[in-house]
PDB file of N, CA and C in Angstrom:
ATOM      1  N   MET A   1       2.539  10.730 -20.196  1.00  0.00           N
ATOM      2  CA  MET A   1       3.052   9.503 -20.722  1.00  0.00           C
ATOM      3  C   MET A   1       2.446   8.198 -19.731  1.00  0.00           C
ATOM      4  N   LYS A   2       2.032   7.445 -20.450  1.00  0.00           N
ATOM      5  CA  LYS A   2       1.504   6.333 -19.810  1.00  0.00           C
ATOM      6  C   LYS A   2       2.523   5.299 -19.570  1.00  0.00           C
ATOM      7  N   ARG A   3       2.615   4.778 -18.462  1.00  0.00           N
ATOM      8  CA  ARG A   3       3.585   3.720 -18.087  1.00  0.00           C
ATOM      9  C   ARG A   3       2.902   2.366 -17.853  1.00  0.00           C
ATOM     10  N   ALA A   4       3.601   1.342 -17.679  1.00  0.00           N
ATOM     11  CA  ALA A   4       3.044   0.108 -17.682  1.00  0.00           C
ATOM     12  C   ALA A   4       2.083  -0.267 -16.217  1.00  0.00           C
ATOM     13  N   HIS A   5       2.788   0.463 -15.154  1.00  0.00           N
ATOM     14  CA  HIS A   5       2.297   0.216 -13.918  1.00  0.00           C
ATOM     15  C   HIS A   5       0.817   1.008 -13.875  1.00  0.00           C
ATOM     16  N   HIS A   6       0.467   2.040 -14.879  1.00  0.00           N
ATOM     17  CA  HIS A   6      -0.726   2.619 -14.852  1.00  0.00           C
ATOM     18  C   HIS A   6      -1.931   1.607 -15.001  1.00  0.00           C
ATOM     19  N   ASP A   7      -1.558   0.516 -15.619  1.00  0.00           N
ATOM     20  CA  ASP A   7      -2.740  -0.546 -15.838  1.00  0.00           C
ATOM     21  C   ASP A   7      -2.854  -1.415 -14.951  1.00  0.00           C
ATOM     22  N   LEU A   8      -2.071  -1.596 -13.964  1.00  0.00           N
ATOM     23  CA  LEU A   8      -1.957  -2.579 -12.875  1.00  0.00           C
ATOM     24  C   LEU A   8      -3.163  -2.073 -11.899  1.00  0.00           C
ATOM     25  N   GLN A   9      -4.047  -3.001 -11.632  1.00  0.00           N
ATOM     26  CA  GLN A   9      -5.040  -2.893 -10.636  1.00  0.00           C
ATOM     27  C   GLN A   9      -4.530  -2.572  -9.179  1.00  0.00           C
ATOM     28  N   VAL A  10      -3.325  -3.309  -8.886  1.00  0.00           N
ATOM     29  CA  VAL A  10      -2.810  -3.025  -7.688  1.00  0.00           C
ATOM     30  C   VAL A  10      -2.319  -1.657  -7.436  1.00  0.00           C
ATOM     31  N   TRP A  11      -1.566  -1.127  -8.400  1.00  0.00           N
ATOM     32  CA  TRP A  11      -1.094   0.375  -8.545  1.00  0.00           C
ATOM     33  C   TRP A  11      -2.452   1.263  -8.123  1.00  0.00           C
ATOM     34  N   LYS A  12      -3.434   0.978  -9.061  1.00  0.00           N
ATOM     35  CA  LYS A  12      -4.628   1.848  -8.741  1.00  0.00           C
ATOM     36  C   LYS A  12      -5.222   1.739  -7.444  1.00  0.00           C
ATOM     37  N   LEU A  13      -5.308   0.557  -6.872  1.00  0.00           N
ATOM     38  CA  LEU A  13      -5.705   0.635  -5.488  1.00  0.00           C
ATOM     39  C   LEU A  13      -4.907   1.169  -4.521  1.00  0.00           C
ATOM     40  N   GLY A  14      -3.517   1.230  -4.808  1.00  0.00           N
ATOM     41  CA  GLY A  14      -2.615   1.722  -3.852  1.00  0.00           C
ATOM     42  C   GLY A  14      -2.779   3.278  -4.025  1.00  0.00           C
ATOM     43  N   MET A  15      -3.125   3.800  -5.038  1.00  0.00           N
ATOM     44  CA  MET A  15      -3.218   5.188  -5.126  1.00  0.00           C
ATOM     45  C   MET A  15      -4.413   5.504  -4.487  1.00  0.00           C
ATOM     46  N   ARG A  16      -5.527   4.742  -4.618  1.00  0.00           N
ATOM     47  CA  ARG A  16      -6.729   5.176  -3.712  1.00  0.00           C
ATOM     48  C   ARG A  16      -6.475   5.273  -2.462  1.00  0.00           C
ATOM     49  N   LEU A  17      -5.781   4.098  -1.925  1.00  0.00           N
ATOM     50  CA  LEU A  17      -5.412   4.080  -0.451  1.00  0.00           C
ATOM     51  C   LEU A  17      -4.613   5.080   0.057  1.00  0.00           C
ATOM     52  N   VAL A  18      -3.571   5.510  -0.782  1.00  0.00           N
ATOM     53  CA  VAL A  18      -2.861   6.780  -0.401  1.00  0.00           C
ATOM     54  C   VAL A  18      -3.964   8.042  -0.079  1.00  0.00           C
ATOM     55  N   LYS A  19      -4.737   8.316  -1.107  1.00  0.00           N
ATOM     56  CA  LYS A  19      -5.822   9.353  -0.626  1.00  0.00           C
ATOM     57  C   LYS A  19      -6.667   9.179   0.537  1.00  0.00           C
ATOM     58  N   ASP A  20      -6.984   7.958   0.653  1.00  0.00           N
ATOM     59  CA  ASP A  20      -7.795   7.601   1.751  1.00  0.00           C
ATOM     60  C   ASP A  20      -6.866   7.885   3.278  1.00  0.00           C
ATOM     61  N   ILE A  21      -5.770   7.402   3.191  1.00  0.00           N
ATOM     62  CA  ILE A  21      -4.873   7.519   4.456  1.00  0.00           C
ATOM     63  C   ILE A  21      -4.563   9.149   4.735  1.00  0.00           C
ATOM     64  N   TYR A  22      -4.435   9.809   3.662  1.00  0.00           N
ATOM     65  CA  TYR A  22      -4.116  11.286   3.958  1.00  0.00           C
ATOM     66  C   TYR A  22      -5.287  11.973   4.471  1.00  0.00           C
ATOM     67  N   ALA A  23      -6.560  11.558   3.858  1.00  0.00           N
ATOM     68  CA  ALA A  23      -7.808  11.986   4.371  1.00  0.00           C
ATOM     69  C   ALA A  23      -8.051  11.614   5.957  1.00  0.00           C
ATOM     70  N   MET A  24      -7.732  10.606   6.022  1.00  0.00           N
ATOM     71  CA  MET A  24      -7.885  10.024   7.571  1.00  0.00           C
ATOM     72  C   MET A  24      -6.957  10.583   8.419  1.00  0.00           C
ATOM     73  N   SER A  25      -5.619  10.752   8.186  1.00  0.00           N
ATOM     74  CA  SER A  25      -4.550  11.251   9.079  1.00  0.00           C
ATOM     75  C   SER A  25      -4.657  12.817   9.307  1.00  0.00           C
ATOM     76  N   ARG A  26      -5.551  13.627   8.498  1.00  0.00           N
ATOM     77  CA  ARG A  26      -5.705  14.918   8.718  1.00  0.00           C
ATOM     78  C   ARG A  26      -6.581  15.044   9.897  1.00  0.00           C
ATOM     79  N   THR A  27      -7.331  14.268  10.472  1.00  0.00           N
ATOM     80  CA  THR A  27      -8.004  14.221  11.597  1.00  0.00           C
ATOM     81  C   THR A  27      -7.331  14.253  12.854  1.00  0.00           C
ATOM     82  N   PHE A  28      -6.164  13.789  12.826  1.00  0.00           N
ATOM     83  CA  PHE A  28      -5.372  13.348  14.030  1.00  0.00           C
ATOM     84  C   PHE A  28      -5.032  14.568  14.668  1.00  0.00           C
ATOM     85  N   PRO A  29      -4.744  14.209  16.041  1.00  0.00           N
ATOM     86  CA  PRO A  29      -4.336  15.520  16.829  1.00  0.00           C
ATOM     87  C   PRO A  29      -3.154  16.108  16.220  1.00  0.00           C
ATOM     88  N   ASP A  30      -2.820  17.289  16.618  1.00  0.00           N
ATOM     89  CA  ASP A  30      -1.421  18.037  15.883  1.00  0.00           C
ATOM     90  C   ASP A  30      -0.431  17.447  16.441  1.00  0.00           C
ATOM     91  N   SER A  31      -0.350  16.620  17.661  1.00  0.00           N
ATOM     92  CA  SER A  31       0.861  16.161  18.230  1.00  0.00           C
ATOM     93  C   SER A  31       1.422  15.030  17.501  1.00  0.00           C
ATOM     94  N   GLU A  32       0.218  14.510  16.736  1.00  0.00           N
ATOM     95  CA  GLU A  32       0.641  13.109  15.916  1.00  0.00           C
ATOM     96  C   GLU A  32       1.204  13.573  14.463  1.00  0.00           C
ATOM     97  N   ARG A  33       1.237  14.875  14.108  1.00  0.00           N
ATOM     98  CA  ARG A  33       1.727  15.497  12.825  1.00  0.00           C
ATOM     99  C   ARG A  33       2.897  14.829  12.267  1.00  0.00           C
ATOM    100  N   PHE A  34       3.942  14.932  13.225  1.00  0.00           N
ATOM    101  CA  PHE A  34       5.202  14.245  12.903  1.00  0.00           C
ATOM    102  C   PHE A  34       5.368  12.742  13.453  1.00  0.00           C
ATOM    103  N   GLY A  35       4.385  12.358  13.969  1.00  0.00           N
ATOM    104  CA  GLY A  35       4.460  11.115  14.510  1.00  0.00           C
ATOM    105  C   GLY A  35       3.523   9.867  13.757  1.00  0.00           C
ATOM    106  N   LEU A  36       2.669   9.456  14.163  1.00  0.00           N
ATOM    107  CA  LEU A  36       1.902   8.155  13.665  1.00  0.00           C
ATOM    108  C   LEU A  36       1.299   8.617  12.115  1.00  0.00           C
ATOM    109  N   SER A  37       0.829   9.897  12.232  1.00  0.00           N
ATOM    110  CA  SER A  37       0.264  10.430  10.901  1.00  0.00           C
ATOM    111  C   SER A  37       1.432  10.476   9.747  1.00  0.00           C
ATOM    112  N   SER A  38       2.538  10.913   9.968  1.00  0.00           N
ATOM    113  CA  SER A  38       3.642  10.983   9.008  1.00  0.00           C
ATOM    114  C   SER A  38       3.929   9.403   8.800  1.00  0.00           C
ATOM    115  N   GLN A  39       4.049   8.637   9.873  1.00  0.00           N
ATOM    116  CA  GLN A  39       4.635   7.233   9.447  1.00  0.00           C
ATOM    117  C   GLN A  39       3.398   6.420   8.481  1.00  0.00           C
ATOM    118  N   MET A  40       2.146   6.813   8.622  1.00  0.00           N
ATOM    119  CA  MET A  40       0.955   6.168   7.969  1.00  0.00           C
ATOM    120  C   MET A  40       1.122   6.695   6.613  1.00  0.00           C
ATOM    121  N   GLN A  41       1.391   8.084   6.245  1.00  0.00           N
ATOM    122  CA  GLN A  41       1.539   8.609   5.138  1.00  0.00           C
ATOM    123  C   GLN A  41       2.494   7.900   4.275  1.00  0.00           C
ATOM    124  N   ARG A  42       3.729   7.856   4.813  1.00  0.00           N
ATOM    125  CA  ARG A  42       4.989   7.231   4.175  1.00  0.00           C
ATOM    126  C   ARG A  42       4.715   5.878   3.826  1.00  0.00           C
ATOM    127  N   ALA A  43       4.103   5.098   4.774  1.00  0.00           N
ATOM    128  CA  ALA A  43       3.812   3.802   4.418  1.00  0.00           C
ATOM    129  C   ALA A  43       2.816   3.590   3.032  1.00  0.00           C
ATOM    130  N   ALA A  44       1.784   4.573   3.080  1.00  0.00           N
ATOM    131  CA  ALA A  44       0.980   4.405   2.085  1.00  0.00           C
ATOM    132  C   ALA A  44       1.539   4.850   0.850  1.00  0.00           C
ATOM    133  N   VAL A  45       2.183   5.874   0.932  1.00  0.00           N
ATOM    134  CA  VAL A  45       3.030   6.302  -0.427  1.00  0.00           C
ATOM    135  C   VAL A  45       4.002   5.290  -0.979  1.00  0.00           C
ATOM    136  N   SER A  46       4.491   4.402   0.064  1.00  0.00           N
ATOM    137  CA  SER A  46       5.489   3.476  -0.477  1.00  0.00           C
ATOM    138  C   SER A  46       4.913   2.222  -1.083  1.00  0.00           C
ATOM    139  N   ILE A  47       3.514   2.077  -1.058  1.00  0.00           N
ATOM    140  CA  ILE A  47       2.769   1.061  -1.678  1.00  0.00           C
ATOM    141  C   ILE A  47       2.756   1.259  -3.202  1.00  0.00           C
ATOM    142  N   PRO A  48       2.210   2.253  -3.720  1.00  0.00           N
ATOM    143  CA  PRO A  48       2.240   2.371  -5.132  1.00  0.00           C
ATOM    144  C   PRO A  48       3.434   2.706  -5.885  1.00  0.00           C
ATOM    145  N   SER A  49       4.203   3.294  -5.038  1.00  0.00           N
ATOM    146  CA  SER A  49       5.692   3.815  -5.416  1.00  0.00           C
ATOM    147  C   SER A  49       6.535   2.482  -5.713  1.00  0.00           C
ATOM    148  N   ASN A  50       6.410   1.681  -4.862  1.00  0.00           N
ATOM    149  CA  ASN A  50       7.268   0.370  -5.273  1.00  0.00           C
ATOM    150  C   ASN A  50       6.897  -0.527  -6.037  1.00  0.00           C
ATOM    151  N   ILE A  51       5.572  -0.544  -6.303  1.00  0.00           N
ATOM    152  CA  ILE A  51       4.855  -1.178  -7.340  1.00  0.00           C
ATOM    153  C   ILE A  51       5.269  -0.630  -8.776  1.00  0.00           C
ATOM    154  N   ALA A  52       5.521   0.705  -8.643  1.00  0.00           N
ATOM    155  CA  ALA A  52       5.597   1.275 -10.028  1.00  0.00           C
ATOM    156  C   ALA A  52       7.188   1.237 -10.335  1.00  0.00           C
ATOM    157  N   GLU A  53       8.107   1.219  -9.239  1.00  0.00           N
ATOM    158  CA  GLU A  53       9.427   0.981  -9.451  1.00  0.00           C
ATOM    159  C   GLU A  53       9.612  -0.432  -9.962  1.00  0.00           C
ATOM    160  N   GLY A  54       8.865  -1.307  -9.374  1.00  0.00           N
ATOM    161  CA  GLY A  54       9.122  -2.768  -9.653  1.00  0.00           C
ATOM    162  C   GLY A  54       8.865  -2.857 -11.152  1.00  0.00           C
ATOM    163  N   ALA A  55       7.583  -2.294 -11.483  1.00  0.00           N
ATOM    164  CA  ALA A  55       7.024  -2.552 -12.984  1.00  0.00           C
ATOM    165  C   ALA A  55       7.998  -2.103 -14.000  1.00  0.00           C
ATOM    166  N   ALA A  56       8.797  -1.124 -13.442  1.00  0.00           N
ATOM    167  CA  ALA A  56       9.808  -0.459 -14.343  1.00  0.00           C
ATOM    168  C   ALA A  56      11.162  -1.102 -14.646  1.00  0.00           C
ATOM    169  N   ARG A  57      11.238  -2.071 -13.748  1.00  0.00           N
ATOM    170  CA  ARG A  57      12.454  -2.801 -13.713  1.00  0.00           C
ATOM    171  C   ARG A  57      12.497  -3.778 -14.926  1.00  0.00           C
ATOM    172  N   THR A  58      13.566  -4.535 -15.272  1.00  0.00           N
ATOM    173  CA  THR A  58      13.861  -5.334 -16.476  1.00  0.00           C
ATOM    174  C   THR A  58      13.474  -6.639 -16.305  1.00  0.00           C
ATOM    175  N   GLY A  59      13.224  -7.140 -15.209  1.00  0.00           N
ATOM    176  CA  GLY A  59      13.099  -8.458 -15.090  1.00  0.00           C
ATOM    177  C   GLY A  59      11.957  -8.925 -13.919  1.00  0.00           C
ATOM    178  N   ASP A  60      11.323 -10.252 -13.926  1.00  0.00           N
ATOM    179  CA  ASP A  60      10.600 -10.465 -12.978  1.00  0.00           C
ATOM    180  C   ASP A  60      10.849 -10.659 -11.566  1.00  0.00           C
ATOM    181  N   LYS A  61      12.250 -10.969 -11.503  1.00  0.00           N
ATOM    182  CA  LYS A  61      12.815 -11.088 -10.015  1.00  0.00           C
ATOM    183  C   LYS A  61      12.872  -9.845  -9.432  1.00  0.00           C
ATOM    184  N   GLU A  62      13.257  -8.738 -10.142  1.00  0.00           N
ATOM    185  CA  GLU A  62      13.229  -7.330  -9.503  1.00  0.00           C
ATOM    186  C   GLU A  62      11.898  -6.981  -9.084  1.00  0.00           C
ATOM    187  N   PHE A  63      10.895  -7.187 -10.006  1.00  0.00           N
ATOM    188  CA  PHE A  63       9.458  -6.941  -9.749  1.00  0.00           C
ATOM    189  C   PHE A  63       8.930  -7.372  -8.582  1.00  0.00           C
ATOM    190  N   LEU A  64       9.332  -8.862  -8.418  1.00  0.00           N
ATOM    191  CA  LEU A  64       8.822  -9.695  -7.092  1.00  0.00           C
ATOM    192  C   LEU A  64       9.449  -9.020  -6.041  1.00  0.00           C
ATOM    193  N   GLN A  65      10.624  -8.493  -5.965  1.00  0.00           N
ATOM    194  CA  GLN A  65      11.189  -7.716  -4.669  1.00  0.00           C
ATOM    195  C   GLN A  65      10.483  -6.678  -4.428  1.00  0.00           C
ATOM    196  N   PHE A  66      10.225  -5.745  -5.494  1.00  0.00           N
ATOM    197  CA  PHE A  66       9.420  -4.522  -5.189  1.00  0.00           C
ATOM    198  C   PHE A  66       7.802  -4.747  -4.637  1.00  0.00           C
ATOM    199  N   LEU A  67       7.471  -5.627  -5.337  1.00  0.00           N
ATOM    200  CA  LEU A  67       5.891  -6.249  -4.817  1.00  0.00           C
ATOM    201  C   LEU A  67       6.067  -6.687  -3.481  1.00  0.00           C
ATOM    202  N   SER A  68       7.256  -7.364  -2.981  1.00  0.00           N
ATOM    203  CA  SER A  68       7.199  -7.761  -1.630  1.00  0.00           C
ATOM    204  C   SER A  68       7.363  -6.729  -0.718  1.00  0.00           C
ATOM    205  N   ILE A  69       8.304  -5.655  -1.135  1.00  0.00           N
ATOM    206  CA  ILE A  69       8.305  -4.426  -0.241  1.00  0.00           C
ATOM    207  C   ILE A  69       7.063  -3.657  -0.159  1.00  0.00           C
ATOM    208  N   ALA A  70       6.237  -3.589  -1.170  1.00  0.00           N
ATOM    209  CA  ALA A  70       4.974  -2.955  -1.309  1.00  0.00           C
ATOM    210  C   ALA A  70       4.169  -3.636  -0.296  1.00  0.00           C
ATOM    211  N   ARG A  71       4.033  -5.045  -0.367  1.00  0.00           N
ATOM    212  CA  ARG A  71       3.206  -5.724   0.449  1.00  0.00           C
ATOM    213  C   ARG A  71       3.534  -5.715   1.990  1.00  0.00           C
ATOM    214  N   GLY A  72       4.793  -5.572   2.199  1.00  0.00           N
ATOM    215  CA  GLY A  72       5.239  -5.299   3.552  1.00  0.00           C
ATOM    216  C   GLY A  72       4.762  -3.786   4.050  1.00  0.00           C
ATOM    217  N   SER A  73       4.848  -2.985   3.227  1.00  0.00           N
ATOM    218  CA  SER A  73       4.537  -1.601   3.638  1.00  0.00           C
ATOM    219  C   SER A  73       2.842  -1.675   3.854  1.00  0.00           C
ATOM    220  N   LEU A  74       2.239  -2.427   3.108  1.00  0.00           N
ATOM    221  CA  LEU A  74       0.811  -2.568   3.187  1.00  0.00           C
ATOM    222  C   LEU A  74       0.484  -3.201   4.917  1.00  0.00           C
ATOM    223  N   SER A  75       1.174  -4.092   4.998  1.00  0.00           N
ATOM    224  CA  SER A  75       1.223  -4.825   6.303  1.00  0.00           C
ATOM    225  C   SER A  75       1.309  -3.775   7.580  1.00  0.00           C
ATOM    226  N   GLU A  76       2.454  -3.040   7.281  1.00  0.00           N
ATOM    227  CA  GLU A  76       2.867  -1.768   8.279  1.00  0.00           C
ATOM    228  C   GLU A  76       1.922  -0.954   8.392  1.00  0.00           C
ATOM    229  N   LEU A  77       1.222  -0.490   7.193  1.00  0.00           N
ATOM    230  CA  LEU A  77       0.212   0.590   7.278  1.00  0.00           C
ATOM    231  C   LEU A  77      -1.219  -0.170   8.217  1.00  0.00           C
ATOM    232  N   GLU A  78      -1.578  -1.373   7.757  1.00  0.00           N
ATOM    233  CA  GLU A  78      -2.613  -1.920   8.460  1.00  0.00           C
ATOM    234  C   GLU A  78      -2.433  -1.919  10.036  1.00  0.00           C
ATOM    235  N   THR A  79      -1.272  -2.130  10.469  1.00  0.00           N
ATOM    236  CA  THR A  79      -0.936  -2.086  11.940  1.00  0.00           C
ATOM    237  C   THR A  79      -1.114  -0.706  12.403  1.00  0.00           C
ATOM    238  N   GLN A  80      -0.714   0.406  11.528  1.00  0.00           N
ATOM    239  CA  GLN A  80      -0.803   1.717  12.100  1.00  0.00           C
ATOM    240  C   GLN A  80      -2.186   2.254  12.018  1.00  0.00           C
ATOM    241  N   VAL A  81      -3.143   1.738  11.238  1.00  0.00           N
ATOM    242  CA  VAL A  81      -4.430   2.122  11.166  1.00  0.00           C
ATOM    243  C   VAL A  81      -5.145   1.389  12.579  1.00  0.00           C
ATOM    244  N   MET A  82      -4.744   0.161  12.950  1.00  0.00           N
ATOM    245  CA  MET A  82      -5.237  -0.430  14.186  1.00  0.00           C
ATOM    246  C   MET A  82      -4.944   0.447  15.267  1.00  0.00           C
ATOM    247  N   ILE A  83      -3.501   0.679  15.356  1.00  0.00           N
ATOM    248  CA  ILE A  83      -3.026   1.519  16.494  1.00  0.00           C
ATOM    249  C   ILE A  83      -3.985   2.967  16.468  1.00  0.00           C
ATOM    250  N   SER A  84      -4.320   3.529  15.442  1.00  0.00           N
ATOM    251  CA  SER A  84      -4.867   4.679  15.301  1.00  0.00           C
ATOM    252  C   SER A  84      -6.231   4.653  15.854  1.00  0.00           C
ATOM    253  N   LYS A  85      -6.883   3.415  15.709  1.00  0.00           N
ATOM    254  CA  LYS A  85      -8.314   3.229  16.263  1.00  0.00           C
ATOM    255  C   LYS A  85      -8.154   2.779  17.692  1.00  0.00           C
ATOM    256  N   GLU A  86      -7.107   2.218  18.110  1.00  0.00           N
ATOM    257  CA  GLU A  86      -7.037   1.870  19.440  1.00  0.00           C
ATOM    258  C   GLU A  86      -6.697   3.240  20.326  1.00  0.00           C
ATOM    259  N   LEU A  87      -6.089   4.127  19.757  1.00  0.00           N
ATOM    260  CA  LEU A  87      -5.925   5.315  20.496  1.00  0.00           C
ATOM    261  C   LEU A  87      -6.902   6.271  20.185  1.00  0.00           C
ATOM    262  N   GLY A  88      -7.996   6.111  19.436  1.00  0.00           N
ATOM    263  CA  GLY A  88      -9.136   6.876  19.385  1.00  0.00           C
ATOM    264  C   GLY A  88      -8.932   7.936  18.369  1.00  0.00           C
ATOM    265  N   TYR A  89      -8.077   7.792  17.367  1.00  0.00           N
ATOM    266  CA  TYR A  89      -7.801   9.004  16.430  1.00  0.00           C
ATOM    267  C   TYR A  89      -8.738   8.567  15.288  1.00  0.00           C
ATOM    268  N   ILE A  90      -9.373   7.662  15.113  1.00  0.00           N
ATOM    269  CA  ILE A  90     -10.230   7.291  14.112  1.00  0.00           C
ATOM    270  C   ILE A  90     -11.464   6.469  14.668  1.00  0.00           C
ATOM    271  N   ARG A  91     -12.537   6.605  14.171  1.00  0.00           N
ATOM    272  CA  ARG A  91     -13.942   5.879  14.665  1.00  0.00           C
ATOM    273  C   ARG A  91     -14.003   4.622  13.873  1.00  0.00           C
ATOM    274  N   ASP A  92     -14.011   4.831  12.517  1.00  0.00           N
ATOM    275  CA  ASP A  92     -14.535   3.710  11.494  1.00  0.00           C
ATOM    276  C   ASP A  92     -13.169   3.451  10.483  1.00  0.00           C
ATOM    277  N   ASP A  93     -12.581   2.271  10.920  1.00  0.00           N
ATOM    278  CA  ASP A  93     -11.493   1.799  10.002  1.00  0.00           C
ATOM    279  C   ASP A  93     -12.103   0.744   9.098  1.00  0.00           C
ATOM    280  N   LYS A  94     -13.296   0.573   9.010  1.00  0.00           N
ATOM    281  CA  LYS A  94     -13.936  -0.700   8.166  1.00  0.00           C
ATOM    282  C   LYS A  94     -13.550  -0.468   6.600  1.00  0.00           C
ATOM    283  N   GLU A  95     -13.952   0.815   6.103  1.00  0.00           N
ATOM    284  CA  GLU A  95     -13.693   0.811   4.636  1.00  0.00           C
ATOM    285  C   GLU A  95     -12.395   0.778   4.225  1.00  0.00           C
ATOM    286  N   VAL A  96     -11.379   1.345   5.066  1.00  0.00           N
ATOM    287  CA  VAL A  96      -9.766   1.423   4.541  1.00  0.00           C
ATOM    288  C   VAL A  96      -9.410  -0.117   4.858  1.00  0.00           C
ATOM    289  N   LEU A  97      -9.719  -0.780   5.736  1.00  0.00           N
ATOM    290  CA  LEU A  97      -9.187  -2.201   6.062  1.00  0.00           C
ATOM    291  C   LEU A  97      -9.852  -3.043   5.105  1.00  0.00           C
ATOM    292  N   GLU A  98     -11.059  -2.791   4.540  1.00  0.00           N
ATOM    293  CA  GLU A  98     -11.424  -3.571   3.402  1.00  0.00           C
ATOM    294  C   GLU A  98     -10.598  -3.321   2.139  1.00  0.00           C
ATOM    295  N   LEU A  99     -10.307  -2.085   1.875  1.00  0.00           N
ATOM    296  CA  LEU A  99      -9.534  -1.752   0.808  1.00  0.00           C
ATOM    297  C   LEU A  99      -8.033  -2.477   0.857  1.00  0.00           C
ATOM    298  N   MET A 100      -7.503  -2.478   2.238  1.00  0.00           N
ATOM    299  CA  MET A 100      -6.114  -3.049   2.403  1.00  0.00           C
ATOM    300  C   MET A 100      -6.216  -4.606   2.138  1.00  0.00           C
ATOM    301  N   ASN A 101      -7.458  -4.948   2.630  1.00  0.00           N
ATOM    302  CA  ASN A 101      -7.565  -6.530   2.319  1.00  0.00           C
ATOM    303  C   ASN A 101      -7.569  -6.792   1.003  1.00  0.00           C
ATOM    304  N   GLU A 102      -8.472  -6.064  -0.066  1.00  0.00           N
ATOM    305  CA  GLU A 102      -8.483  -6.226  -1.332  1.00  0.00           C
ATOM    306  C   GLU A 102      -7.144  -6.123  -1.996  1.00  0.00           C
ATOM    307  N   LEU A 103      -6.394  -5.024  -1.629  1.00  0.00           N
ATOM    308  CA  LEU A 103      -5.158  -4.761  -2.136  1.00  0.00           C
ATOM    309  C   LEU A 103      -4.186  -6.071  -1.766  1.00  0.00           C
ATOM    310  N   TYR A 104      -4.169  -6.437  -0.602  1.00  0.00           N
ATOM    311  CA  TYR A 104      -3.243  -7.422  -0.163  1.00  0.00           C
ATOM    312  C   TYR A 104      -3.544  -8.652  -0.972  1.00  0.00           C
ATOM    313  N   ALA A 105      -4.783  -9.140  -1.170  1.00  0.00           N
ATOM    314  CA  ALA A 105      -5.178 -10.321  -2.103  1.00  0.00           C
ATOM    315  C   ALA A 105      -4.638 -10.175  -3.347  1.00  0.00           C
ATOM    316  N   LYS A 106      -4.891  -9.124  -3.905  1.00  0.00           N
ATOM    317  CA  LYS A 106      -4.481  -8.864  -5.308  1.00  0.00           C
ATOM    318  C   LYS A 106      -2.969  -8.734  -5.559  1.00  0.00           C
ATOM    319  N   MET A 107      -2.281  -8.332  -4.555  1.00  0.00           N
ATOM    320  CA  MET A 107      -0.836  -8.234  -4.559  1.00  0.00           C
ATOM    321  C   MET A 107      -0.237  -9.725  -4.542  1.00  0.00           C
ATOM    322  N   SER A 108      -0.975 -10.347  -3.625  1.00  0.00           N
ATOM    323  CA  SER A 108      -0.422 -11.917  -3.536  1.00  0.00           C
ATOM    324  C   SER A 108      -0.749 -12.556  -4.788  1.00  0.00           C
ATOM    325  N   ALA A 109      -1.888 -12.364  -5.334  1.00  0.00           N
ATOM    326  CA  ALA A 109      -2.123 -13.102  -6.484  1.00  0.00           C
ATOM    327  C   ALA A 109      -1.270 -12.741  -7.759  1.00  0.00           C
ATOM    328  N   LEU A 110      -0.895 -11.443  -7.875  1.00  0.00           N
ATOM    329  CA  LEU A 110      -0.041 -11.022  -8.749  1.00  0.00           C
ATOM    330  C   LEU A 110       1.382 -11.652  -8.591  1.00  0.00           C
ATOM    331  N   ILE A 111       1.701 -11.791  -7.433  1.00  0.00           N
ATOM    332  CA  ILE A 111       3.231 -12.473  -6.915  1.00  0.00           C
ATOM    333  C   ILE A 111       3.235 -13.719  -7.337  1.00  0.00           C
ATOM    334  N   THR A 112       2.111 -14.234  -7.098  1.00  0.00           N
ATOM    335  CA  THR A 112       2.008 -15.915  -7.363  1.00  0.00           C
ATOM    336  C   THR A 112       1.864 -16.093  -8.999  1.00  0.00           C
ATOM    337  N   SER A 113       1.444 -15.103  -9.522  1.00  0.00           N
ATOM    338  CA  SER A 113       1.131 -15.290 -11.072  1.00  0.00           C
ATOM    339  C   SER A 113       2.704 -15.165 -11.691  1.00  0.00           C
ATOM    340  N   ILE A 114       3.485 -14.241 -11.230  1.00  0.00           N
ATOM    341  CA  ILE A 114       4.719 -13.623 -11.668  1.00  0.00           C
ATOM    342  C   ILE A 114       5.671 -14.959 -11.376  1.00  0.00           C
ATOM    343  N   ARG A 115       5.460 -15.508 -10.108  1.00  0.00           N
ATOM    344  CA  ARG A 115       6.417 -16.617  -9.773  1.00  0.00           C
ATOM    345  C   ARG A 115       6.140 -17.808 -10.742  1.00  0.00           C
ATOM    346  N   GLY A 116       4.854 -17.976 -10.993  1.00  0.00           N
ATOM    347  CA  GLY A 116       4.594 -19.237 -11.924  1.00  0.00           C
ATOM    348  C   GLY A 116       5.185 -18.944 -13.283  1.00  0.00           C
ATOM    349  N   ARG A 117       4.937 -17.596 -13.713  1.00  0.00           N
ATOM    350  CA  ARG A 117       5.502 -17.300 -15.142  1.00  0.00           C
ATOM    351  C   ARG A 117       6.930 -17.612 -15.180  1.00  0.00           C
ATOM    352  N   SER A 118       7.498 -17.103 -14.208  1.00  0.00           N
ATOM    353  CA  SER A 118       9.022 -17.212 -14.036  1.00  0.00           C
ATOM    354  C   SER A 118       9.658 -18.575 -13.968  1.00  0.00           C
ATOM    355  N   LYS A 119       8.735 -19.636 -13.455  1.00  0.00           N
ATOM    356  CA  LYS A 119       9.261 -20.878 -13.452  1.00  0.00           C
ATOM    357  C   LYS A 119       9.052 -21.775 -14.704  1.00  0.00           C
ATOM    358  N   ARG A 120       8.431 -21.025 -15.723  1.00  0.00           N
ATOM    359  CA  ARG A 120       8.026 -21.817 -16.951  1.00  0.00           C
ATOM    360  C   ARG A 120       9.405 -21.755 -17.884  1.00  0.00           C
TER     361      ARG A 120
END
């Protein structure tokens, strides 16, 4: 069954980011399995999950709240990727950081658009 959020570019990018983060975190040391790796996976999953939940709500105000939560999770994840690089768990974070920047910009544009629509 197709849902409204399936057509949202931010949801699609979020789903792609989840795959990238799971692949990236598989290379972490076993000692991080329940630490940084797990935190990164939860933050990544939170992004498309909150977009989907917000899109399923009845009003713009609720959707904006869930988009805000998703954007917060994205910022959290960005910090965790940077920490992973600093700790030497990943070598190249450029591609995933570019994806996160694109997703952040598109989420911000969607938030701005919905806010403008709500003021009319």
